[in-house]
Protein backbone atom coordinates (compact mmCIF):
# COMPACT_ATOMS: atom_id res chain seq x y z
CA UNK A 1 -79.59 -21.35 -46.09
CA UNK A 2 -76.63 -23.67 -45.50
CA UNK A 3 -74.08 -21.21 -46.42
CA UNK A 4 -75.59 -18.70 -44.44
CA UNK A 5 -75.86 -20.84 -40.96
CA UNK A 6 -72.12 -21.71 -41.64
CA UNK A 7 -71.59 -17.84 -41.44
CA UNK A 8 -73.33 -17.42 -38.44
CA UNK A 9 -71.65 -20.29 -36.99
CA UNK A 10 -68.60 -18.50 -37.35
CA UNK A 11 -69.78 -15.75 -35.01
CA UNK A 12 -70.38 -17.82 -32.06
CA UNK A 13 -67.61 -18.62 -29.70
CA UNK A 14 -68.59 -22.44 -29.87
CA UNK A 15 -68.64 -22.45 -34.01
CA UNK A 16 -65.37 -20.89 -34.39
CA UNK A 17 -62.25 -22.49 -35.17
CA UNK A 18 -58.99 -21.17 -33.79
CA UNK A 19 -57.35 -18.70 -35.55
CA UNK A 20 -53.86 -17.33 -35.86
CA UNK A 21 -54.14 -14.74 -32.98
CA UNK A 22 -55.51 -17.66 -30.80
CA UNK A 23 -52.46 -19.94 -31.71
CA UNK A 24 -50.31 -17.03 -30.97
CA UNK A 25 -51.70 -16.47 -27.60
CA UNK A 26 -51.74 -19.84 -26.59
CA UNK A 27 -47.89 -19.84 -27.51
CA UNK A 28 -47.14 -17.03 -25.47
CA UNK A 29 -48.99 -18.11 -22.77
CA UNK A 30 -46.99 -21.51 -22.70
CA UNK A 31 -43.66 -19.68 -23.29
CA UNK A 32 -44.65 -17.36 -20.04
CA UNK A 33 -45.56 -20.82 -17.92
CA UNK A 34 -42.17 -22.64 -19.16
CA UNK A 35 -40.24 -19.48 -17.84
CA UNK A 36 -42.17 -19.54 -14.59
CA UNK A 37 -41.11 -23.15 -14.36
CA UNK A 38 -37.59 -22.47 -15.22
CA UNK A 39 -37.33 -19.44 -12.93
CA UNK A 40 -38.57 -21.64 -9.87
CA UNK A 41 -36.00 -24.33 -10.76
CA UNK A 42 -33.26 -21.71 -10.85
CA UNK A 43 -34.46 -20.64 -7.38
CA UNK A 44 -34.36 -24.08 -6.25
CA UNK A 45 -30.79 -25.03 -7.69
CA UNK A 46 -28.86 -21.47 -7.41
CA UNK A 47 -25.70 -23.57 -7.61
CA UNK A 48 -26.21 -25.46 -10.61
CA UNK A 49 -25.87 -24.42 -14.62
CA UNK A 50 -28.94 -25.02 -15.80
CA UNK A 51 -28.23 -23.73 -19.24
CA UNK A 52 -31.14 -23.08 -21.95
CA UNK A 53 -32.89 -26.56 -22.17
CA UNK A 54 -33.81 -29.05 -19.63
CA UNK A 55 -33.04 -31.92 -22.29
CA UNK A 56 -29.42 -30.86 -22.11
CA UNK A 57 -29.21 -30.93 -18.44
CA UNK A 58 -30.54 -34.26 -18.29
CA UNK A 59 -28.60 -35.97 -21.06
CA UNK A 60 -25.41 -34.29 -19.86
CA UNK A 61 -25.74 -34.82 -16.43
CA UNK A 62 -22.69 -36.63 -15.05
CA UNK A 63 -22.81 -38.40 -11.47
CA UNK A 64 -20.63 -37.25 -9.00
CA UNK A 65 -19.48 -33.96 -11.25
CA UNK A 66 -20.31 -31.72 -8.42
CA UNK A 67 -17.75 -30.92 -5.57
CA UNK A 68 -18.80 -32.81 -2.45
CA UNK A 69 -21.81 -34.60 -4.30
CA UNK A 70 -22.91 -37.67 -3.52
CA UNK A 71 -25.54 -40.62 -5.28
CA UNK A 72 -28.61 -39.17 -3.01
CA UNK A 73 -27.66 -35.31 -4.07
CA UNK A 74 -27.43 -36.65 -7.59
CA UNK A 75 -30.85 -38.49 -7.54
CA UNK A 76 -32.38 -35.47 -5.77
CA UNK A 77 -31.10 -32.87 -8.58
CA UNK A 78 -32.32 -35.38 -11.23
CA UNK A 79 -35.71 -35.76 -9.81
CA UNK A 80 -35.81 -31.68 -9.30
CA UNK A 81 -35.09 -31.19 -13.08
CA UNK A 82 -37.07 -34.16 -14.31
CA UNK A 83 -40.32 -32.81 -12.70
CA UNK A 84 -39.90 -29.37 -13.77
CA UNK A 85 -39.56 -30.82 -17.25
CA UNK A 86 -42.78 -32.65 -17.08
CA UNK A 87 -44.37 -29.40 -16.00
CA UNK A 88 -43.52 -27.73 -18.77
CA UNK A 89 -44.54 -30.56 -21.22
CA UNK A 90 -47.82 -31.03 -19.51
CA UNK A 91 -48.42 -27.26 -19.37
CA UNK A 92 -49.70 -26.91 -15.85
């Protein structure tokens, strides 16, 4: 009887465990979200070279490195990149 119940639970949505297909779909959705956030960031900062990884942008940023940049502009840039990075990490 116990084996039969376990088999039936696998057929119900609340009794199933996540399978490989579910994991791939979740990963694809996450990648799509990250791409949208990155595209929004690139639209907000069209003159910046963001590269492929926002961690690299945050680690390698040197204040005052841009032409005509000031401390306020640098901080605004960093805040914008940090916010996008946090959104990607949260997933929403």
